[in-house]
């Protein structure tokens, strides 16, 4: 979120020469970037993107420098051979905001992560409840993961992690419907049925909270 300012009839941030950024929701920005990457890779079936998405970078300098906000910053590789045909310009862009190197929490840089495990068996009383294994260690604090979504890779169905099962790292996942997987007379799963927990972590944050 943020305040849009107009310059010459266009919102600031709509071009590289703008002095600010167009505030987009995180989800919209990620989807636009994925559409653009898919387009340049020739993936069919997606609506075209009009412009290359803007890229943002955090610069940590060895020494403080005076740089007015909104000014154009150009980085060059001065150690290049003057006779080299390569361009000495490394990057350029507008300075958007100052950051304190000792407190980078306001900078929301996300890393997508995942954990994989296996279906172990059906619950004896509830066929929609699965006992799963090989995703967590025995000493993992399962309270951090309760309520998160788990995906059965083969079917794509989502379930909700309901907590630990026993003391050996196994856990319970409830699906909306019974999974169409093979099991023996003791309800043990036959073969390898993988499940995945997708989540994200933000850089510069020390919190252990898991966010999807």
N, C-alpha and C. Protein backbone atom coordinates (compact mmCIF):
# COMPACT_ATOMS: atom_id res chain seq x y z
N UNK A 1 0.83 -1.18 0.00
CA UNK A 1 0.00 0.00 0.00
C UNK A 1 0.87 1.24 0.00
N UNK A 2 0.28 2.42 -0.28
CA UNK A 2 1.02 3.65 -0.28
C UNK A 2 0.25 4.73 -1.00
N UNK A 3 0.85 5.87 -1.22
CA UNK A 3 0.19 6.98 -1.89
C UNK A 3 0.76 7.15 -3.28
N UNK A 4 -0.13 7.19 -4.28
CA UNK A 4 0.29 7.40 -5.66
C UNK A 4 0.39 8.89 -5.93
N UNK A 5 1.43 9.31 -6.58
CA UNK A 5 1.62 10.70 -6.97
C UNK A 5 1.70 10.75 -8.48
N UNK A 6 1.08 11.74 -9.07
CA UNK A 6 1.06 11.85 -10.53
C UNK A 6 2.16 12.78 -11.01
N UNK A 7 2.79 12.42 -12.13
CA UNK A 7 3.82 13.25 -12.73
C UNK A 7 3.66 13.18 -14.23
N UNK A 8 3.24 14.29 -14.82
CA UNK A 8 3.01 14.29 -16.26
C UNK A 8 1.88 13.38 -16.68
N UNK A 9 0.87 13.22 -15.82
CA UNK A 9 -0.28 12.40 -16.16
C UNK A 9 -0.09 10.92 -15.91
N UNK A 10 1.10 10.50 -15.47
CA UNK A 10 1.37 9.08 -15.21
C UNK A 10 1.77 8.89 -13.76
N UNK A 11 1.40 7.75 -13.16
CA UNK A 11 1.78 7.52 -11.77
C UNK A 11 3.28 7.33 -11.63
N UNK A 12 3.83 7.86 -10.57
CA UNK A 12 5.26 7.69 -10.32
C UNK A 12 5.57 6.21 -10.15
N UNK A 13 6.68 5.80 -10.70
CA UNK A 13 7.07 4.40 -10.61
C UNK A 13 6.66 3.58 -11.80
N UNK A 14 5.89 4.19 -12.72
CA UNK A 14 5.43 3.44 -13.89
C UNK A 14 6.55 3.23 -14.90
N UNK A 15 7.64 3.99 -14.77
CA UNK A 15 8.79 3.80 -15.65
C UNK A 15 10.06 3.85 -14.82
N UNK A 16 11.16 3.47 -15.46
CA UNK A 16 12.44 3.46 -14.77
C UNK A 16 12.85 4.87 -14.34
N UNK A 17 12.43 5.90 -15.10
CA UNK A 17 12.81 7.27 -14.81
C UNK A 17 11.94 7.92 -13.74
N UNK A 18 10.94 7.21 -13.22
CA UNK A 18 10.08 7.78 -12.20
C UNK A 18 10.83 7.91 -10.88
N UNK A 19 10.30 8.75 -10.01
CA UNK A 19 10.98 9.02 -8.74
C UNK A 19 10.42 8.18 -7.60
N UNK A 20 9.48 7.31 -7.86
CA UNK A 20 8.90 6.50 -6.80
C UNK A 20 8.51 5.15 -7.38
N UNK A 21 7.65 4.42 -6.71
CA UNK A 21 7.21 3.11 -7.17
C UNK A 21 5.70 3.06 -7.14
N UNK A 22 5.13 2.24 -8.02
CA UNK A 22 3.70 2.00 -7.98
C UNK A 22 3.44 0.95 -6.90
N UNK A 23 2.67 1.29 -5.86
CA UNK A 23 2.45 0.33 -4.77
C UNK A 23 1.51 -0.79 -5.20
N UNK A 24 2.03 -1.97 -5.35
CA UNK A 24 1.24 -3.13 -5.70
C UNK A 24 1.19 -4.08 -4.51
N UNK A 25 0.10 -4.79 -4.39
CA UNK A 25 0.04 -5.83 -3.37
C UNK A 25 1.07 -6.91 -3.70
N UNK A 26 1.59 -7.53 -2.66
CA UNK A 26 2.66 -8.52 -2.86
C UNK A 26 2.23 -9.62 -3.81
N UNK A 27 1.01 -10.11 -3.66
CA UNK A 27 0.53 -11.20 -4.51
C UNK A 27 0.45 -10.76 -5.96
N UNK A 28 -0.06 -9.54 -6.22
CA UNK A 28 -0.17 -9.06 -7.60
C UNK A 28 1.20 -8.89 -8.23
N UNK A 29 2.17 -8.42 -7.46
CA UNK A 29 3.51 -8.20 -8.00
C UNK A 29 4.16 -9.53 -8.36
N UNK A 30 3.98 -10.54 -7.53
CA UNK A 30 4.57 -11.86 -7.79
C UNK A 30 3.92 -12.50 -9.01
N UNK A 31 2.60 -12.40 -9.12
CA UNK A 31 1.90 -12.98 -10.26
C UNK A 31 2.33 -12.31 -11.56
N UNK A 32 2.48 -10.97 -11.55
CA UNK A 32 2.91 -10.27 -12.76
C UNK A 32 4.31 -10.71 -13.16
N UNK A 33 5.20 -10.85 -12.18
CA UNK A 33 6.56 -11.27 -12.48
C UNK A 33 6.57 -12.68 -13.07
N UNK A 34 5.77 -13.59 -12.51
CA UNK A 34 5.72 -14.95 -13.03
C UNK A 34 5.16 -14.97 -14.45
N UNK A 35 4.15 -14.14 -14.71
CA UNK A 35 3.60 -14.05 -16.07
C UNK A 35 4.64 -13.54 -17.05
N UNK A 36 5.42 -12.57 -16.62
CA UNK A 36 6.46 -12.02 -17.51
C UNK A 36 7.52 -13.07 -17.81
N UNK A 37 7.97 -13.78 -16.77
CA UNK A 37 8.99 -14.81 -16.98
C UNK A 37 8.46 -15.93 -17.87
N UNK A 38 7.19 -16.29 -17.68
CA UNK A 38 6.58 -17.33 -18.52
C UNK A 38 6.50 -16.87 -19.96
N UNK A 39 6.22 -15.58 -20.17
CA UNK A 39 6.10 -15.05 -21.52
C UNK A 39 7.42 -15.08 -22.26
N UNK A 40 8.51 -14.67 -21.60
CA UNK A 40 9.80 -14.66 -22.29
C UNK A 40 10.34 -16.08 -22.51
N UNK A 41 9.79 -17.05 -21.76
CA UNK A 41 10.18 -18.46 -21.95
C UNK A 41 9.28 -19.17 -22.94
N UNK A 42 8.29 -18.45 -23.47
CA UNK A 42 7.43 -19.03 -24.50
C UNK A 42 6.36 -19.97 -23.98
N UNK A 43 5.93 -19.80 -22.73
CA UNK A 43 4.87 -20.65 -22.19
C UNK A 43 3.53 -20.21 -22.78
N UNK A 44 2.80 -21.12 -23.43
CA UNK A 44 1.53 -20.74 -24.08
C UNK A 44 0.38 -20.67 -23.08
N UNK A 45 -0.71 -20.00 -23.50
CA UNK A 45 -1.94 -20.01 -22.73
C UNK A 45 -2.07 -18.93 -21.68
N UNK A 46 -1.12 -17.99 -21.59
CA UNK A 46 -1.18 -16.93 -20.59
C UNK A 46 -1.37 -15.58 -21.27
N UNK A 47 -2.12 -14.67 -20.64
CA UNK A 47 -2.27 -13.33 -21.24
C UNK A 47 -0.93 -12.61 -21.24
N UNK A 48 -0.65 -11.83 -22.29
CA UNK A 48 0.66 -11.17 -22.40
C UNK A 48 0.81 -10.04 -21.37
N UNK A 49 2.02 -9.81 -20.97
CA UNK A 49 2.35 -8.68 -20.09
C UNK A 49 2.85 -7.53 -20.95
N UNK A 50 2.49 -6.30 -20.57
CA UNK A 50 2.81 -5.14 -21.40
C UNK A 50 4.25 -4.69 -21.24
N UNK A 51 4.75 -4.66 -20.02
CA UNK A 51 6.08 -4.12 -19.78
C UNK A 51 6.87 -5.04 -18.87
N UNK A 52 8.17 -4.92 -18.96
CA UNK A 52 9.04 -5.66 -18.05
C UNK A 52 8.86 -5.13 -16.64
N UNK A 53 8.63 -6.01 -15.65
CA UNK A 53 8.43 -5.53 -14.28
C UNK A 53 9.69 -4.88 -13.72
N UNK A 54 9.48 -3.88 -12.87
CA UNK A 54 10.61 -3.22 -12.24
C UNK A 54 11.28 -4.15 -11.24
N UNK A 55 12.57 -4.00 -11.10
CA UNK A 55 13.33 -4.77 -10.12
C UNK A 55 13.81 -3.83 -9.02
N UNK A 56 13.86 -4.34 -7.81
CA UNK A 56 14.29 -3.55 -6.66
C UNK A 56 15.51 -4.20 -6.03
N UNK A 57 16.40 -3.37 -5.49
CA UNK A 57 17.64 -3.90 -4.94
C UNK A 57 18.00 -3.15 -3.67
N UNK A 58 18.59 -3.85 -2.74
CA UNK A 58 19.10 -3.26 -1.51
C UNK A 58 20.61 -3.10 -1.66
N UNK A 59 21.09 -1.87 -1.54
CA UNK A 59 22.52 -1.59 -1.63
C UNK A 59 23.07 -1.34 -0.23
N UNK A 60 24.06 -2.13 0.16
CA UNK A 60 24.75 -1.94 1.43
C UNK A 60 26.16 -1.45 1.11
N UNK A 61 26.42 -0.19 1.38
CA UNK A 61 27.69 0.44 1.04
C UNK A 61 28.67 0.34 2.19
N UNK A 62 29.96 0.28 1.85
CA UNK A 62 30.99 0.20 2.88
C UNK A 62 31.09 1.49 3.68
N UNK A 63 30.83 2.62 3.01
CA UNK A 63 30.90 3.92 3.68
C UNK A 63 29.65 4.72 3.33
N UNK A 64 29.18 5.59 4.24
CA UNK A 64 28.01 6.43 3.94
C UNK A 64 28.32 7.40 2.81
N UNK A 65 27.32 7.62 1.97
CA UNK A 65 27.44 8.60 0.88
C UNK A 65 26.19 9.47 0.89
N UNK A 66 26.32 10.67 0.35
CA UNK A 66 25.19 11.60 0.27
C UNK A 66 24.44 11.36 -1.03
N UNK A 67 23.20 10.88 -0.92
CA UNK A 67 22.38 10.58 -2.09
C UNK A 67 20.96 11.07 -1.82
N UNK A 68 20.55 12.16 -2.43
CA UNK A 68 19.18 12.66 -2.25
C UNK A 68 18.15 11.65 -2.74
N UNK A 69 17.06 11.52 -2.02
CA UNK A 69 16.01 10.61 -2.45
C UNK A 69 15.44 11.04 -3.79
N UNK A 70 15.20 10.07 -4.64
CA UNK A 70 14.65 10.34 -5.96
C UNK A 70 15.68 10.57 -7.03
N UNK A 71 16.95 10.71 -6.64
CA UNK A 71 17.98 10.97 -7.65
C UNK A 71 18.35 9.68 -8.37
N UNK A 72 18.94 9.83 -9.54
CA UNK A 72 19.36 8.68 -10.35
C UNK A 72 20.74 8.22 -9.88
N UNK A 73 20.82 6.95 -9.52
CA UNK A 73 22.08 6.37 -9.05
C UNK A 73 22.62 5.43 -10.12
N UNK A 74 23.89 5.61 -10.47
CA UNK A 74 24.53 4.77 -11.49
C UNK A 74 25.73 4.07 -10.87
N UNK A 75 25.80 2.77 -11.03
CA UNK A 75 26.94 2.00 -10.54
C UNK A 75 27.80 1.53 -11.70
N UNK A 76 29.10 1.75 -11.60
CA UNK A 76 30.01 1.37 -12.69
C UNK A 76 31.14 0.49 -12.17
N UNK A 77 31.68 -0.32 -13.04
CA UNK A 77 32.84 -1.15 -12.73
C UNK A 77 34.07 -0.42 -13.27
N UNK A 78 34.71 0.32 -12.37
CA UNK A 78 35.83 1.15 -12.79
C UNK A 78 37.11 0.34 -13.02
N UNK A 79 37.11 -0.93 -12.62
CA UNK A 79 38.31 -1.74 -12.80
C UNK A 79 38.33 -2.41 -14.19
N UNK A 80 37.34 -2.11 -15.03
CA UNK A 80 37.34 -2.66 -16.38
C UNK A 80 38.48 -2.05 -17.20
N UNK A 81 39.00 -2.84 -18.08
CA UNK A 81 39.99 -2.35 -19.05
C UNK A 81 39.31 -1.33 -19.96
N UNK A 82 39.92 -0.17 -20.12
CA UNK A 82 39.31 0.88 -20.93
C UNK A 82 39.17 0.46 -22.39
N UNK A 83 39.90 -0.54 -22.81
CA UNK A 83 39.82 -1.02 -24.19
C UNK A 83 38.84 -2.19 -24.33
N UNK A 84 38.21 -2.58 -23.22
CA UNK A 84 37.27 -3.71 -23.28
C UNK A 84 35.98 -3.28 -23.95
N UNK A 85 35.40 -4.15 -24.78
CA UNK A 85 34.13 -3.80 -25.45
C UNK A 85 32.93 -3.89 -24.51
N UNK A 86 33.12 -4.45 -23.32
CA UNK A 86 32.01 -4.60 -22.37
C UNK A 86 31.63 -3.25 -21.76
N UNK A 87 30.36 -3.14 -21.42
CA UNK A 87 29.86 -1.90 -20.81
C UNK A 87 30.30 -1.83 -19.35
N UNK A 88 30.78 -0.69 -18.93
CA UNK A 88 31.25 -0.52 -17.56
C UNK A 88 30.09 -0.23 -16.60
N UNK A 89 28.92 0.05 -17.12
CA UNK A 89 27.78 0.35 -16.26
C UNK A 89 27.22 -0.96 -15.69
N UNK A 90 27.16 -1.05 -14.37
CA UNK A 90 26.67 -2.26 -13.72
C UNK A 90 25.17 -2.19 -13.47
N UNK A 91 24.66 -1.03 -13.08
CA UNK A 91 23.24 -0.86 -12.82
C UNK A 91 22.92 0.62 -12.76
N UNK A 92 21.63 0.93 -12.80
CA UNK A 92 21.17 2.29 -12.55
C UNK A 92 19.73 2.25 -12.08
N UNK A 93 19.32 3.27 -11.36
CA UNK A 93 17.96 3.32 -10.86
C UNK A 93 17.76 4.50 -9.92
N UNK A 94 16.50 4.71 -9.53
CA UNK A 94 16.17 5.80 -8.63
C UNK A 94 16.26 5.34 -7.17
N UNK A 95 16.77 6.22 -6.30
CA UNK A 95 16.83 5.93 -4.88
C UNK A 95 15.45 6.16 -4.29
N UNK A 96 14.88 5.12 -3.69
CA UNK A 96 13.51 5.19 -3.20
C UNK A 96 13.41 5.56 -1.72
N UNK A 97 14.24 4.93 -0.90
CA UNK A 97 14.16 5.20 0.53
C UNK A 97 15.45 4.76 1.21
N UNK A 98 15.80 5.43 2.31
CA UNK A 98 17.00 5.02 3.06
C UNK A 98 16.67 3.83 3.95
N UNK A 99 17.66 3.00 4.23
CA UNK A 99 17.49 1.84 5.10
C UNK A 99 18.59 1.83 6.14
N UNK A 100 18.23 1.43 7.34
CA UNK A 100 19.22 1.28 8.41
C UNK A 100 19.80 -0.13 8.31
N UNK A 101 21.10 -0.27 8.06
CA UNK A 101 21.68 -1.62 7.93
C UNK A 101 21.51 -2.48 9.18
N UNK A 102 21.30 -1.84 10.33
CA UNK A 102 21.13 -2.58 11.57
C UNK A 102 19.68 -2.99 11.81
N UNK A 103 18.76 -2.49 11.01
CA UNK A 103 17.35 -2.83 11.16
C UNK A 103 16.71 -2.92 9.78
N UNK A 104 16.75 -4.11 9.20
CA UNK A 104 16.22 -4.32 7.85
C UNK A 104 14.87 -5.04 7.86
N UNK A 105 14.23 -5.12 9.03
CA UNK A 105 12.95 -5.82 9.11
C UNK A 105 11.88 -5.21 8.21
N UNK A 106 11.85 -3.87 8.05
CA UNK A 106 10.81 -3.31 7.16
C UNK A 106 10.94 -3.76 5.70
N UNK A 107 12.11 -4.28 5.33
CA UNK A 107 12.32 -4.74 3.95
C UNK A 107 11.79 -6.17 3.83
N UNK A 108 10.69 -6.32 3.10
CA UNK A 108 10.00 -7.61 3.03
C UNK A 108 10.52 -8.43 1.84
N UNK A 109 11.61 -9.14 2.05
CA UNK A 109 12.15 -10.04 1.03
C UNK A 109 11.78 -11.46 1.43
N UNK A 110 11.07 -12.13 0.55
CA UNK A 110 10.52 -13.43 0.89
C UNK A 110 11.31 -14.55 0.20
N UNK A 111 11.45 -15.65 0.89
CA UNK A 111 12.03 -16.88 0.33
C UNK A 111 10.99 -17.98 0.42
N UNK A 112 10.70 -18.59 -0.71
CA UNK A 112 9.76 -19.70 -0.72
C UNK A 112 10.48 -20.98 -0.32
N UNK A 113 9.89 -21.71 0.62
CA UNK A 113 10.49 -22.94 1.11
C UNK A 113 9.46 -24.06 1.10
N UNK A 114 9.94 -25.27 1.30
CA UNK A 114 9.03 -26.42 1.34
C UNK A 114 9.64 -27.55 2.15
N UNK A 115 8.76 -28.39 2.69
CA UNK A 115 9.16 -29.61 3.38
C UNK A 115 8.37 -30.76 2.76
N UNK A 116 9.02 -31.87 2.56
CA UNK A 116 8.35 -33.03 1.98
C UNK A 116 8.31 -34.17 2.97
N UNK A 117 7.27 -35.00 2.85
CA UNK A 117 7.12 -36.16 3.72
C UNK A 117 6.35 -37.24 2.97
N UNK A 118 5.90 -38.23 3.71
CA UNK A 118 5.21 -39.37 3.12
C UNK A 118 3.94 -39.69 3.91
N UNK A 119 2.94 -40.20 3.18
CA UNK A 119 1.78 -40.76 3.87
C UNK A 119 2.19 -42.08 4.51
N UNK A 120 1.78 -42.29 5.75
CA UNK A 120 2.13 -43.53 6.45
C UNK A 120 0.96 -44.50 6.46
N UNK A 121 -0.20 -44.04 6.95
CA UNK A 121 -1.37 -44.91 6.99
C UNK A 121 -2.64 -44.09 7.21
N UNK A 122 -3.78 -44.75 6.98
CA UNK A 122 -5.08 -44.14 7.29
C UNK A 122 -5.33 -44.24 8.79
N UNK A 123 -6.07 -43.27 9.32
CA UNK A 123 -6.53 -43.38 10.70
C UNK A 123 -7.59 -44.47 10.78
N UNK A 124 -7.62 -45.21 11.87
CA UNK A 124 -8.53 -46.35 11.98
C UNK A 124 -9.99 -45.94 12.11
N UNK A 125 -10.26 -44.75 12.65
CA UNK A 125 -11.64 -44.31 12.84
C UNK A 125 -12.12 -43.33 11.76
N UNK A 126 -11.20 -42.64 11.09
CA UNK A 126 -11.58 -41.58 10.14
C UNK A 126 -10.74 -41.73 8.88
N UNK A 127 -11.38 -42.07 7.76
CA UNK A 127 -10.65 -42.31 6.52
C UNK A 127 -10.12 -41.02 5.89
N UNK A 128 -10.60 -39.86 6.35
CA UNK A 128 -10.09 -38.59 5.83
C UNK A 128 -8.88 -38.09 6.62
N UNK A 129 -8.57 -38.77 7.70
CA UNK A 129 -7.43 -38.39 8.54
C UNK A 129 -6.26 -39.32 8.24
N UNK A 130 -5.12 -38.71 7.84
CA UNK A 130 -3.94 -39.49 7.49
C UNK A 130 -2.83 -39.29 8.51
N UNK A 131 -2.16 -40.38 8.82
CA UNK A 131 -0.95 -40.32 9.64
C UNK A 131 0.23 -40.24 8.68
N UNK A 132 1.09 -39.23 8.88
CA UNK A 132 2.18 -38.97 7.93
C UNK A 132 3.52 -39.01 8.65
N UNK A 133 4.60 -39.09 7.87
CA UNK A 133 5.93 -39.25 8.45
C UNK A 133 6.99 -38.59 7.58
N UNK A 134 8.22 -38.59 8.08
CA UNK A 134 9.44 -38.19 7.34
C UNK A 134 9.46 -36.73 6.90
N UNK A 135 8.71 -35.87 7.59
CA UNK A 135 8.76 -34.44 7.31
C UNK A 135 9.41 -33.67 8.45
N UNK A 136 9.21 -34.12 9.68
CA UNK A 136 9.72 -33.42 10.85
C UNK A 136 10.58 -34.35 11.70
N UNK A 137 11.46 -33.76 12.48
CA UNK A 137 12.23 -34.52 13.45
C UNK A 137 11.39 -34.75 14.71
N UNK A 138 11.83 -35.69 15.51
CA UNK A 138 11.05 -36.04 16.70
C UNK A 138 10.94 -34.88 17.68
N UNK A 139 11.95 -33.99 17.72
CA UNK A 139 11.94 -32.88 18.67
C UNK A 139 11.40 -31.58 18.08
N UNK A 140 10.78 -31.64 16.90
CA UNK A 140 10.22 -30.44 16.28
C UNK A 140 9.02 -29.93 17.07
N UNK A 141 8.94 -28.61 17.24
CA UNK A 141 7.79 -28.00 17.90
C UNK A 141 6.64 -27.94 16.90
N UNK A 142 5.74 -28.90 16.99
CA UNK A 142 4.66 -28.99 16.01
C UNK A 142 3.64 -27.87 16.14
N UNK A 143 3.65 -27.15 17.26
CA UNK A 143 2.73 -26.03 17.43
C UNK A 143 2.96 -24.96 16.37
N UNK A 144 4.18 -24.88 15.84
CA UNK A 144 4.51 -23.91 14.80
C UNK A 144 3.83 -24.23 13.47
N UNK A 145 3.45 -25.48 13.27
CA UNK A 145 2.93 -25.92 11.98
C UNK A 145 1.45 -26.29 12.02
N UNK A 146 0.84 -26.31 13.18
CA UNK A 146 -0.58 -26.66 13.27
C UNK A 146 -1.43 -25.70 12.46
N UNK A 147 -2.37 -26.26 11.70
CA UNK A 147 -3.27 -25.44 10.89
C UNK A 147 -2.76 -25.10 9.51
N UNK A 148 -1.53 -25.49 9.17
CA UNK A 148 -0.99 -25.20 7.85
C UNK A 148 -1.47 -26.21 6.82
N UNK A 149 -1.42 -25.81 5.54
CA UNK A 149 -1.90 -26.65 4.46
C UNK A 149 -0.81 -27.61 3.99
N UNK A 150 -1.21 -28.84 3.77
CA UNK A 150 -0.34 -29.89 3.24
C UNK A 150 -0.92 -30.36 1.91
N UNK A 151 -0.08 -30.53 0.90
CA UNK A 151 -0.55 -30.94 -0.43
C UNK A 151 -0.12 -32.37 -0.72
N UNK A 152 -1.10 -33.20 -1.11
CA UNK A 152 -0.79 -34.54 -1.61
C UNK A 152 -0.37 -34.41 -3.06
N UNK A 153 0.88 -34.71 -3.38
CA UNK A 153 1.44 -34.39 -4.69
C UNK A 153 0.73 -35.08 -5.84
N UNK A 154 0.35 -36.33 -5.67
CA UNK A 154 -0.22 -37.08 -6.78
C UNK A 154 -1.61 -36.57 -7.16
N UNK A 155 -2.44 -36.25 -6.18
CA UNK A 155 -3.81 -35.82 -6.46
C UNK A 155 -3.97 -34.30 -6.45
N UNK A 156 -3.07 -33.59 -5.78
CA UNK A 156 -3.19 -32.15 -5.65
C UNK A 156 -4.13 -31.71 -4.55
N UNK A 157 -4.71 -32.66 -3.82
CA UNK A 157 -5.65 -32.32 -2.74
C UNK A 157 -4.90 -31.72 -1.56
N UNK A 158 -5.55 -30.76 -0.91
CA UNK A 158 -4.97 -30.09 0.24
C UNK A 158 -5.58 -30.62 1.53
N UNK A 159 -4.74 -30.74 2.54
CA UNK A 159 -5.19 -31.12 3.87
C UNK A 159 -4.66 -30.14 4.90
N UNK A 160 -5.14 -30.25 6.12
CA UNK A 160 -4.73 -29.37 7.20
C UNK A 160 -3.99 -30.18 8.26
N UNK A 161 -2.81 -29.70 8.62
CA UNK A 161 -2.01 -30.38 9.64
C UNK A 161 -2.66 -30.14 11.00
N UNK A 162 -3.00 -31.22 11.70
CA UNK A 162 -3.74 -31.11 12.96
C UNK A 162 -2.88 -31.36 14.19
N UNK A 163 -1.61 -31.70 14.02
CA UNK A 163 -0.77 -31.90 15.19
C UNK A 163 0.07 -33.15 15.09
N UNK A 164 0.86 -33.38 16.11
CA UNK A 164 1.77 -34.53 16.12
C UNK A 164 1.02 -35.81 16.42
N UNK A 165 1.67 -36.95 16.11
CA UNK A 165 1.11 -38.27 16.39
C UNK A 165 2.24 -39.12 16.95
N UNK A 166 2.18 -39.40 18.21
CA UNK A 166 3.26 -40.16 18.84
C UNK A 166 4.45 -39.27 19.14
N UNK A 167 5.60 -39.90 19.34
CA UNK A 167 6.82 -39.19 19.74
C UNK A 167 7.95 -39.33 18.74
N UNK A 168 7.65 -39.84 17.55
CA UNK A 168 8.72 -40.12 16.59
C UNK A 168 8.70 -39.19 15.37
N UNK A 169 8.03 -38.07 15.47
CA UNK A 169 8.00 -37.12 14.36
C UNK A 169 6.84 -37.28 13.41
N UNK A 170 5.99 -38.28 13.63
CA UNK A 170 4.82 -38.43 12.79
C UNK A 170 3.76 -37.39 13.16
N UNK A 171 2.82 -37.17 12.24
CA UNK A 171 1.83 -36.12 12.45
C UNK A 171 0.54 -36.46 11.71
N UNK A 172 -0.53 -35.73 12.04
CA UNK A 172 -1.84 -35.99 11.47
C UNK A 172 -2.22 -34.89 10.47
N UNK A 173 -2.78 -35.30 9.35
CA UNK A 173 -3.25 -34.36 8.34
C UNK A 173 -4.67 -34.76 7.95
N UNK A 174 -5.60 -33.81 8.02
CA UNK A 174 -6.99 -34.08 7.66
C UNK A 174 -7.29 -33.52 6.27
N UNK A 175 -7.77 -34.39 5.39
CA UNK A 175 -8.17 -33.99 4.05
C UNK A 175 -9.70 -33.89 3.99
N UNK A 176 -10.20 -33.10 3.03
CA UNK A 176 -11.64 -32.92 2.91
C UNK A 176 -12.33 -34.19 2.44
N UNK A 177 -11.59 -35.03 1.73
CA UNK A 177 -12.14 -36.29 1.25
C UNK A 177 -11.08 -37.37 1.33
N UNK A 178 -11.52 -38.60 1.27
CA UNK A 178 -10.59 -39.72 1.38
C UNK A 178 -9.68 -39.76 0.15
N UNK A 179 -8.39 -39.91 0.40
CA UNK A 179 -7.43 -39.98 -0.70
C UNK A 179 -7.53 -41.34 -1.40
N UNK A 180 -7.44 -41.30 -2.72
CA UNK A 180 -7.50 -42.53 -3.51
C UNK A 180 -6.11 -43.12 -3.63
N UNK A 181 -5.65 -43.71 -2.53
CA UNK A 181 -4.33 -44.35 -2.49
C UNK A 181 -4.50 -45.78 -2.01
N UNK A 182 -3.55 -46.63 -2.39
CA UNK A 182 -3.62 -48.04 -2.04
C UNK A 182 -3.09 -48.28 -0.63
N UNK A 183 -3.80 -49.14 0.11
CA UNK A 183 -3.40 -49.49 1.47
C UNK A 183 -3.65 -50.97 1.71
N UNK A 184 -2.91 -51.56 2.64
CA UNK A 184 -3.09 -52.97 2.97
C UNK A 184 -4.19 -53.14 4.01
N UNK A 185 -4.35 -54.36 4.50
CA UNK A 185 -5.41 -54.66 5.47
C UNK A 185 -5.24 -53.90 6.78
N UNK A 186 -4.01 -53.50 7.10
CA UNK A 186 -3.76 -52.75 8.33
C UNK A 186 -3.79 -51.24 8.10
N UNK A 187 -4.27 -50.84 6.91
CA UNK A 187 -4.41 -49.43 6.52
C UNK A 187 -3.07 -48.74 6.28
N UNK A 188 -1.99 -49.51 6.16
CA UNK A 188 -0.69 -48.95 5.83
C UNK A 188 -0.64 -48.62 4.33
N UNK A 189 -0.07 -47.48 3.99
CA UNK A 189 -0.01 -47.05 2.59
C UNK A 189 0.98 -47.90 1.82
N UNK A 190 0.57 -48.35 0.63
CA UNK A 190 1.46 -49.09 -0.25
C UNK A 190 2.19 -48.13 -1.18
N UNK A 191 3.46 -48.37 -1.38
CA UNK A 191 4.24 -47.52 -2.27
C UNK A 191 4.61 -46.21 -1.61
N UNK A 192 5.04 -45.26 -2.43
CA UNK A 192 5.49 -43.95 -1.96
C UNK A 192 4.48 -42.89 -2.35
N UNK A 193 3.85 -42.29 -1.36
CA UNK A 193 2.88 -41.22 -1.59
C UNK A 193 3.41 -39.95 -0.91
N UNK A 194 3.93 -39.03 -1.71
CA UNK A 194 4.57 -37.84 -1.17
C UNK A 194 3.57 -36.73 -0.84
N UNK A 195 3.88 -36.00 0.20
CA UNK A 195 3.12 -34.82 0.57
C UNK A 195 4.12 -33.67 0.75
N UNK A 196 3.64 -32.43 0.56
CA UNK A 196 4.53 -31.28 0.63
C UNK A 196 3.88 -30.15 1.41
N UNK A 197 4.68 -29.52 2.24
CA UNK A 197 4.27 -28.32 2.96
C UNK A 197 5.01 -27.14 2.34
N UNK A 198 4.27 -26.21 1.74
CA UNK A 198 4.86 -25.01 1.14
C UNK A 198 4.67 -23.85 2.11
N UNK A 199 5.74 -23.07 2.32
CA UNK A 199 5.65 -21.92 3.19
C UNK A 199 6.70 -20.90 2.79
N UNK A 200 6.67 -19.74 3.42
CA UNK A 200 7.63 -18.69 3.08
C UNK A 200 8.23 -18.11 4.35
N UNK A 201 9.46 -17.66 4.20
CA UNK A 201 10.19 -17.01 5.28
C UNK A 201 10.67 -15.65 4.78
N UNK A 202 10.62 -14.67 5.67
CA UNK A 202 11.07 -13.33 5.31
C UNK A 202 12.49 -13.12 5.82
N UNK A 203 13.34 -12.61 4.94
CA UNK A 203 14.71 -12.27 5.35
C UNK A 203 14.67 -11.19 6.44
N UNK A 204 15.71 -11.18 7.25
CA UNK A 204 15.91 -10.17 8.28
C UNK A 204 14.90 -10.28 9.42
N UNK A 205 14.09 -11.34 9.47
CA UNK A 205 13.16 -11.54 10.56
C UNK A 205 13.59 -12.75 11.37
N UNK A 206 13.57 -12.60 12.70
CA UNK A 206 14.01 -13.66 13.59
C UNK A 206 12.83 -14.50 14.10
N UNK A 207 11.62 -14.11 13.75
CA UNK A 207 10.44 -14.82 14.24
C UNK A 207 10.40 -16.25 13.70
N UNK A 208 9.95 -17.16 14.53
CA UNK A 208 9.82 -18.58 14.12
C UNK A 208 8.47 -18.87 13.51
N UNK A 209 7.60 -17.90 13.42
CA UNK A 209 6.26 -18.10 12.89
C UNK A 209 6.33 -18.52 11.43
N UNK A 210 5.55 -19.56 11.08
CA UNK A 210 5.51 -20.08 9.72
C UNK A 210 4.33 -19.44 8.98
N UNK A 211 4.60 -18.87 7.80
CA UNK A 211 3.56 -18.18 7.03
C UNK A 211 3.44 -18.86 5.66
N UNK A 212 2.19 -19.05 5.25
CA UNK A 212 1.94 -19.63 3.91
C UNK A 212 1.40 -18.58 2.96
